[in-house]
């Protein structure tokens, strides 16, 4: 099975045809999700013998790029489900089947979401403002606030984590998955943003939400560490997120070409014959050509277990930063090529321009990327 067997031209056109309406109405992509579920998209990482497509990380990257050309907000939200599936896939490649249940659940139609990001927590996966309090029977009660919880109206399993301070000198981070309907999980209806509106990434409040021992999957130290589970989350998040924004850039180049061919110049010709327009389209295409091989190489290195040692985190965060910034610049160039028509609400480039700006808000941030790379090249700052 390949990408084109799942994301057929007909399916992509249906998804593209709905994107503007979801954005206009600030509504969830319910119909898109059902179409993708029927096509087997939720189980891309699940092995074929377990009812899935059996895709590699590289194939899922290709799928997400293609999906984002049609429906960026849909691709971004589904990305969160695929990240959890990708973590299970990556661990299995390394001989750890502890998350195999996620891949089996995906084939049965379960939808996994990310309850990780928190307001005012730049440490992201290495610390938490959510309290995880042991209950004495192996379960934990989680209390805190999670933001940017994509798939809010539809998820069936929510990945969350919190900080256990029951041993003050050795705090731990506790990770688990909560089924929808778990008491103490409140999903707010507060998503009203500039872009990526169909993702409906609402705030989620945890108010003494108890996860049983069987629903917990990891306990890690607070602070930077090399746990394979946490590395997997970071690696799949950065790589698949980069795929989504690369897909937005790909689509922007297509729209720039169309605009150049349709727009007339003062001399009566088309923009395709105008030297300035040609330069802009070429510049956009050159920028995208640069990100494609980096994204493909990262996906291959993860799949094959390349040894980048301490450079893995800088490489992954650099990929995310370059992909999102490149896509933003390319969309802006396409807007300049298309001219005033792209400034009107409802124009695809107007929507892509708003959607692509969301890239700057995902981890890793601009500051953390540069700090990470500076540490790799110059060493850490003295205490």
Protein backbone atom coordinates (compact mmCIF):
# COMPACT_ATOMS: atom_id res chain seq x y z
CA UNK A 1 0.00 0.00 0.00
CA UNK A 2 1.23 3.52 -0.76
CA UNK A 3 0.18 7.06 0.02
CA UNK A 4 -1.85 7.48 -3.18
CA UNK A 5 -3.98 4.42 -2.30
CA UNK A 6 -5.20 6.22 0.81
CA UNK A 7 -5.09 9.92 -0.09
CA UNK A 8 -6.68 9.54 -3.50
CA UNK A 9 -7.22 12.59 -5.73
CA UNK A 10 -10.97 12.40 -5.08
CA UNK A 11 -10.48 12.35 -1.31
CA UNK A 12 -8.04 15.27 -1.42
CA UNK A 13 -10.46 17.34 -3.46
CA UNK A 14 -13.27 16.66 -0.99
CA UNK A 15 -11.03 17.74 1.87
CA UNK A 16 -9.89 20.87 0.02
CA UNK A 17 -13.50 21.71 -0.80
CA UNK A 18 -14.48 21.78 2.88
CA UNK A 19 -11.47 23.64 4.29
CA UNK A 20 -12.75 27.15 3.64
CA UNK A 21 -16.12 26.40 5.25
CA UNK A 22 -14.56 24.97 8.41
CA UNK A 23 -12.36 28.05 8.64
CA UNK A 24 -15.21 30.48 8.05
CA UNK A 25 -17.50 28.81 10.60
CA UNK A 26 -14.74 28.04 13.13
CA UNK A 27 -16.02 24.46 13.14
CA UNK A 28 -14.42 21.06 13.63
CA UNK A 29 -13.55 18.94 10.58
CA UNK A 30 -16.11 16.22 11.37
CA UNK A 31 -16.69 15.11 7.76
CA UNK A 32 -12.96 15.12 7.00
CA UNK A 33 -12.29 12.94 10.02
CA UNK A 34 -14.87 10.38 8.97
CA UNK A 35 -13.47 10.28 5.44
CA UNK A 36 -9.94 9.80 6.78
CA UNK A 37 -11.07 7.12 9.22
CA UNK A 38 -12.80 5.18 6.43
CA UNK A 39 -9.66 5.49 4.28
CA UNK A 40 -7.53 3.95 7.04
CA UNK A 41 -5.61 7.14 7.72
CA UNK A 42 -5.76 6.84 11.49
CA UNK A 43 -3.88 3.54 11.32
CA UNK A 44 -1.04 4.49 8.98
CA UNK A 45 1.57 3.33 11.50
CA UNK A 46 -0.29 0.17 12.52
CA UNK A 47 1.30 -2.98 11.02
CA UNK A 48 -0.62 -4.56 8.18
CA UNK A 49 -1.13 -7.78 10.15
CA UNK A 50 -2.89 -5.70 12.82
CA UNK A 51 -5.20 -4.02 10.32
CA UNK A 52 -3.18 -0.93 9.39
CA UNK A 53 -1.17 0.41 6.47
CA UNK A 54 2.22 -0.53 7.94
CA UNK A 55 3.79 2.77 6.89
CA UNK A 56 7.29 3.90 7.78
CA UNK A 57 7.93 7.33 9.30
CA UNK A 58 8.98 8.53 5.85
CA UNK A 59 5.70 7.40 4.31
CA UNK A 60 3.67 9.10 7.04
CA UNK A 61 5.70 12.29 6.49
CA UNK A 62 4.81 12.08 2.80
CA UNK A 63 1.14 11.54 3.70
CA UNK A 64 1.02 14.53 6.03
CA UNK A 65 2.69 16.76 3.45
CA UNK A 66 0.08 15.77 0.91
CA UNK A 67 -2.86 16.11 3.31
CA UNK A 68 -1.69 19.60 4.33
CA UNK A 69 -1.76 20.77 0.71
CA UNK A 70 -5.52 20.20 0.80
CA UNK A 71 -6.56 20.91 4.40
CA UNK A 72 -3.85 22.31 6.69
CA UNK A 73 -5.93 22.48 9.87
CA UNK A 74 -7.17 18.94 9.37
CA UNK A 75 -3.59 17.76 8.84
CA UNK A 76 -2.34 19.61 11.92
CA UNK A 77 -4.99 18.11 14.19
CA UNK A 78 -4.64 14.55 12.87
CA UNK A 79 -0.91 15.04 13.33
CA UNK A 80 -1.34 14.78 17.10
CA UNK A 81 -2.94 11.35 16.80
CA UNK A 82 -0.22 10.24 14.41
CA UNK A 83 2.50 11.45 16.79
CA UNK A 84 1.31 9.04 19.49
CA UNK A 85 1.09 6.25 16.91
CA UNK A 86 4.56 7.19 15.68
CA UNK A 87 6.00 7.00 19.19
CA UNK A 88 4.60 3.47 19.52
CA UNK A 89 6.08 2.61 16.10
CA UNK A 90 9.49 4.07 16.96
CA UNK A 91 9.68 2.24 20.28
CA UNK A 92 8.68 -1.01 18.58
CA UNK A 93 11.51 -0.58 16.08
CA UNK A 94 13.84 -0.42 19.09
CA UNK A 95 12.37 -3.59 20.64
CA UNK A 96 9.92 -1.91 23.05
CA UNK A 97 6.29 -2.96 22.52
CA UNK A 98 4.93 -1.21 25.61
CA UNK A 99 2.78 1.11 23.48
CA UNK A 100 1.60 -1.50 20.97
CA UNK A 101 -1.92 -0.97 22.31
CA UNK A 102 -1.96 2.48 20.68
CA UNK A 103 -1.41 0.98 17.23
CA UNK A 104 -4.10 -1.63 17.88
CA UNK A 105 -6.49 1.05 19.15
CA UNK A 106 -5.84 3.17 16.05
CA UNK A 107 -6.90 0.28 13.81
CA UNK A 108 -10.14 0.05 15.83
CA UNK A 109 -10.87 3.74 15.29
CA UNK A 110 -9.69 5.23 18.57
CA UNK A 111 -8.43 8.81 18.29
CA UNK A 112 -5.47 9.91 20.40
CA UNK A 113 -4.89 13.55 21.36
CA UNK A 114 -2.11 15.56 22.98
CA UNK A 115 -2.67 16.94 26.47
CA UNK A 116 0.94 18.03 26.94
CA UNK A 117 1.33 21.79 26.36
CA UNK A 118 0.78 24.03 29.37
CA UNK A 119 0.65 27.81 29.79
CA UNK A 120 3.92 29.17 31.12
CA UNK A 121 5.86 25.92 30.79
CA UNK A 122 8.82 26.41 28.41
CA UNK A 123 10.35 23.11 29.59
CA UNK A 124 7.51 21.28 27.76
CA UNK A 125 8.31 17.54 28.18
CA UNK A 126 10.96 17.96 30.87
CA UNK A 127 8.78 19.50 33.56
CA UNK A 128 5.09 20.11 34.22
CA UNK A 129 2.87 22.60 36.02
CA UNK A 130 0.22 19.90 36.36
CA UNK A 131 0.18 18.16 39.74
CA UNK A 132 0.24 14.35 39.61
CA UNK A 133 -0.64 13.10 43.09
CA UNK A 134 -0.29 9.37 43.93
CA UNK A 135 -3.47 7.90 45.40
CA UNK A 136 -1.91 4.97 47.24
CA UNK A 137 -3.22 2.21 44.96
CA UNK A 138 -0.94 2.89 41.97
CA UNK A 139 -3.30 5.47 40.47
CA UNK A 140 -2.61 9.20 40.10
CA UNK A 141 -4.86 12.26 40.27
CA UNK A 142 -3.95 14.99 37.77
CA UNK A 143 -4.81 18.64 38.33
CA UNK A 144 -3.74 21.36 35.92
CA UNK A 145 -4.45 23.06 32.59
CA UNK A 146 -3.48 21.88 29.12
CA UNK A 147 -3.61 24.17 26.10
CA UNK A 148 -3.70 23.63 22.34
CA UNK A 149 -5.46 20.28 22.75
CA UNK A 150 -6.18 19.55 19.09
CA UNK A 151 -9.06 17.20 18.26
CA UNK A 152 -10.93 18.47 21.34
CA UNK A 153 -14.43 17.59 20.07
CA UNK A 154 -13.54 14.07 18.96
CA UNK A 155 -10.61 12.49 20.79
CA UNK A 156 -11.27 9.24 22.59
CA UNK A 157 -7.89 8.93 24.35
CA UNK A 158 -5.97 11.89 25.80
CA UNK A 159 -2.26 11.63 26.54
CA UNK A 160 -1.42 13.68 29.64
CA UNK A 161 1.41 14.11 32.11
CA UNK A 162 2.06 15.80 35.43
CA UNK A 163 4.64 16.25 38.15
CA UNK A 164 4.79 13.98 41.19
CA UNK A 165 6.40 15.86 44.11
CA UNK A 166 5.62 13.23 46.73
CA UNK A 167 9.38 12.72 47.13
CA UNK A 168 10.54 16.37 47.05
CA UNK A 169 14.21 15.60 46.50
CA UNK A 170 13.39 13.34 43.53
CA UNK A 171 10.38 14.75 41.64
CA UNK A 172 9.08 12.60 38.77
CA UNK A 173 6.96 13.16 35.67
CA UNK A 174 4.10 10.70 35.20
CA UNK A 175 2.57 10.02 31.77
CA UNK A 176 -0.68 8.25 30.95
CA UNK A 177 -3.74 8.06 28.71
CA UNK A 178 -7.21 9.06 29.84
CA UNK A 179 -10.32 7.73 28.08
CA UNK A 180 -12.92 10.31 27.14
CA UNK A 181 -15.48 10.58 29.90
CA UNK A 182 -12.90 10.36 32.66
CA UNK A 183 -14.26 12.31 35.62
CA UNK A 184 -12.39 15.55 36.20
CA UNK A 185 -11.52 16.27 32.55
CA UNK A 186 -13.22 19.44 31.31
CA UNK A 187 -12.90 20.46 27.67
CA UNK A 188 -13.54 24.17 27.19
CA UNK A 189 -15.22 25.60 24.11
CA UNK A 190 -12.70 28.43 23.72
CA UNK A 191 -11.02 27.96 20.32
CA UNK A 192 -11.39 31.14 18.27
CA UNK A 193 -8.06 31.90 16.63
CA UNK A 194 -6.59 33.61 13.61
CA UNK A 195 -5.73 30.37 11.83
CA UNK A 196 -5.82 26.57 12.03
CA UNK A 197 -9.42 27.03 13.16
CA UNK A 198 -10.77 23.61 12.18
CA UNK A 199 -8.29 21.91 14.52
CA UNK A 200 -10.45 23.07 17.47
CA UNK A 201 -7.48 22.88 19.83
CA UNK A 202 -9.36 23.89 22.96
CA UNK A 203 -8.11 24.28 26.52
CA UNK A 204 -8.46 21.17 28.67
CA UNK A 205 -8.76 21.45 32.44
CA UNK A 206 -7.78 18.53 34.66
CA UNK A 207 -9.52 18.70 38.03
CA UNK A 208 -8.45 15.68 40.11
CA UNK A 209 -8.69 13.45 37.02
CA UNK A 210 -7.67 9.97 38.20
CA UNK A 211 -5.81 7.55 35.96
CA UNK A 212 -5.50 3.97 37.16
CA UNK A 213 -2.18 2.18 37.33
CA UNK A 214 -3.03 0.41 34.08
CA UNK A 215 -3.58 3.72 32.29
CA UNK A 216 -0.09 5.01 33.15
CA UNK A 217 2.75 4.36 30.72
CA UNK A 218 5.90 6.15 31.92
CA UNK A 219 7.62 7.84 34.83
CA UNK A 220 10.67 9.96 34.05
CA UNK A 221 12.94 12.37 35.91
CA UNK A 222 12.32 16.10 35.89
CA UNK A 223 14.79 17.93 33.65
CA UNK A 224 16.66 16.90 30.50
CA UNK A 225 17.21 13.16 30.12
CA UNK A 226 17.49 10.49 27.44
CA UNK A 227 14.36 8.42 28.06
CA UNK A 228 13.36 6.78 24.77
CA UNK A 229 9.66 7.49 25.30
CA UNK A 230 10.17 11.24 25.73
CA UNK A 231 12.66 11.30 22.85
CA UNK A 232 10.06 9.57 20.70
CA UNK A 233 7.41 12.19 21.51
CA UNK A 234 9.81 15.03 20.69
CA UNK A 235 11.13 13.37 17.52
CA UNK A 236 7.76 12.46 16.03
CA UNK A 237 6.20 15.78 17.02
CA UNK A 238 8.92 17.86 15.39
CA UNK A 239 9.17 15.69 12.27
CA UNK A 240 5.47 15.28 11.53
CA UNK A 241 4.78 18.91 12.39
CA UNK A 242 7.48 19.89 9.89
CA UNK A 243 5.72 17.73 7.31
CA UNK A 244 2.46 19.64 7.77
CA UNK A 245 4.04 23.06 7.30
CA UNK A 246 6.11 21.78 4.38
CA UNK A 247 2.83 20.75 2.77
CA UNK A 248 1.50 24.28 3.24
CA UNK A 249 4.61 25.63 1.52
CA UNK A 250 4.19 23.12 -1.32
CA UNK A 251 0.63 24.30 -1.89
CA UNK A 252 1.69 27.94 -1.79
CA UNK A 253 4.13 27.33 -4.64
CA UNK A 254 1.32 25.72 -6.68
CA UNK A 255 -0.93 28.72 -6.04
CA UNK A 256 1.87 31.15 -6.92
CA UNK A 257 2.32 29.38 -10.27
CA UNK A 258 -1.42 29.52 -10.94
CA UNK A 259 -1.57 33.21 -10.01
CA UNK A 260 1.41 34.06 -12.21
CA UNK A 261 -0.20 32.32 -15.18
CA UNK A 262 -3.57 34.03 -14.66
CA UNK A 263 -2.51 37.54 -13.71
CA UNK A 264 -2.08 40.04 -16.53
CA UNK A 265 0.62 42.68 -16.63
CA UNK A 266 0.52 46.26 -17.88
CA UNK A 267 2.01 45.08 -21.15
CA UNK A 268 -0.84 42.67 -21.77
CA UNK A 269 1.07 39.48 -21.04
CA UNK A 270 0.80 37.22 -18.00
CA UNK A 271 2.80 37.30 -14.82
CA UNK A 272 4.53 34.13 -16.00
CA UNK A 273 6.46 36.33 -18.47
CA UNK A 274 7.23 39.13 -16.01
CA UNK A 275 10.84 38.95 -14.76
CA UNK A 276 9.98 40.07 -11.24
CA UNK A 277 7.15 37.57 -10.88
CA UNK A 278 9.31 34.79 -12.30
CA UNK A 279 12.01 35.60 -9.73
CA UNK A 280 9.51 35.41 -6.87
CA UNK A 281 8.09 32.05 -8.00
CA UNK A 282 11.59 30.69 -8.50
CA UNK A 283 12.65 31.90 -5.06
CA UNK A 284 9.68 30.14 -3.44
CA UNK A 285 10.44 26.90 -5.29
CA UNK A 286 14.13 27.08 -4.33
CA UNK A 287 13.26 27.53 -0.67
CA UNK A 288 10.97 24.49 -0.72
CA UNK A 289 13.59 22.40 -2.54
CA UNK A 290 15.89 23.03 0.41
CA UNK A 291 13.52 21.73 3.10
CA UNK A 292 12.37 18.57 1.33
CA UNK A 293 15.65 16.60 1.59
CA UNK A 294 16.19 17.62 5.22
CA UNK A 295 12.71 16.39 6.16
CA UNK A 296 13.12 13.13 4.24
CA UNK A 297 16.55 12.48 5.76
CA UNK A 298 15.29 13.06 9.29
CA UNK A 299 12.42 10.64 8.77
CA UNK A 300 14.78 8.01 7.36
CA UNK A 301 17.29 8.47 10.19
CA UNK A 302 14.57 7.96 12.79
CA UNK A 303 13.26 4.87 11.03
CA UNK A 304 16.70 3.33 10.61
CA UNK A 305 18.04 4.28 14.02
CA UNK A 306 20.86 6.61 12.98
CA UNK A 307 23.19 7.59 15.79
CA UNK A 308 23.25 11.38 16.12
CA UNK A 309 23.96 11.18 19.83
CA UNK A 310 23.59 14.52 21.61
CA UNK A 311 22.86 16.25 18.30
CA UNK A 312 19.43 14.61 17.93
CA UNK A 313 17.53 17.33 19.80
CA UNK A 314 19.25 20.25 18.01
CA UNK A 315 18.70 18.55 14.66
CA UNK A 316 15.01 17.95 15.31
CA UNK A 317 14.30 21.43 16.64
CA UNK A 318 16.25 22.96 13.74
CA UNK A 319 14.12 20.99 11.28
CA UNK A 320 10.92 22.29 12.85
CA UNK A 321 12.18 25.87 12.87
CA UNK A 322 13.41 25.77 9.28
CA UNK A 323 10.26 24.06 7.98
CA UNK A 324 7.83 26.49 9.63
CA UNK A 325 9.87 29.59 8.78
CA UNK A 326 10.41 28.45 5.19
CA UNK A 327 6.70 27.78 4.76
CA UNK A 328 5.84 31.20 6.16
CA UNK A 329 8.21 32.98 3.78
CA UNK A 330 6.98 30.96 0.81
CA UNK A 331 3.32 31.69 1.57
CA UNK A 332 4.15 35.39 1.87
CA UNK A 333 5.91 35.26 -1.50
CA UNK A 334 2.89 33.56 -3.06
CA UNK A 335 0.66 36.31 -1.66
CA UNK A 336 2.90 38.93 -3.28
CA UNK A 337 2.68 37.07 -6.60
CA UNK A 338 -1.10 36.77 -6.44
CA UNK A 339 -1.60 40.40 -5.45
CA UNK A 340 -4.70 41.96 -3.92
CA UNK A 341 -6.99 39.03 -4.67
CA UNK A 342 -5.20 37.05 -1.95
CA UNK A 343 -6.13 39.69 0.64
CA UNK A 344 -9.84 38.90 0.39
CA UNK A 345 -11.47 36.63 2.96
CA UNK A 346 -12.20 33.26 1.41
CA UNK A 347 -9.16 33.25 -0.86
CA UNK A 348 -7.09 30.12 -0.28
CA UNK A 349 -3.85 32.07 0.07
CA UNK A 350 -5.46 34.35 2.66
CA UNK A 351 -6.33 31.27 4.71
CA UNK A 352 -2.90 29.70 4.20
CA UNK A 353 -1.26 32.92 5.35
CA UNK A 354 -3.19 32.78 8.62
CA UNK A 355 -2.67 29.04 9.04
CA UNK A 356 1.07 29.13 8.45
CA UNK A 357 1.61 31.69 11.22
CA UNK A 358 0.66 29.03 13.78
CA UNK A 359 4.04 27.42 13.12
CA UNK A 360 5.81 29.90 15.37
CA UNK A 361 3.77 28.86 18.41
CA UNK A 362 4.59 25.15 18.37
CA UNK A 363 7.57 23.81 20.29
CA UNK A 364 10.42 24.25 19.72
CA UNK A 365 10.26 28.03 19.93
CA UNK A 366 12.63 30.31 18.05
CA UNK A 367 14.55 31.05 21.24
CA UNK A 368 14.85 27.43 22.39
CA UNK A 369 16.01 26.28 18.95
CA UNK A 370 18.84 28.79 18.89
CA UNK A 371 19.80 28.03 22.49
CA UNK A 372 19.91 24.31 21.72
CA UNK A 373 22.04 24.74 18.61
CA UNK A 374 24.33 27.25 20.36
CA UNK A 375 24.92 24.71 23.13
CA UNK A 376 25.74 22.05 20.55
CA UNK A 377 28.32 24.24 18.81
CA UNK A 378 29.64 26.42 21.63
CA UNK A 379 28.96 24.37 24.72
CA UNK A 380 26.64 25.36 27.59
CA UNK A 381 26.90 28.71 29.28
CA UNK A 382 28.86 28.71 32.55
CA UNK A 383 26.85 28.54 35.77
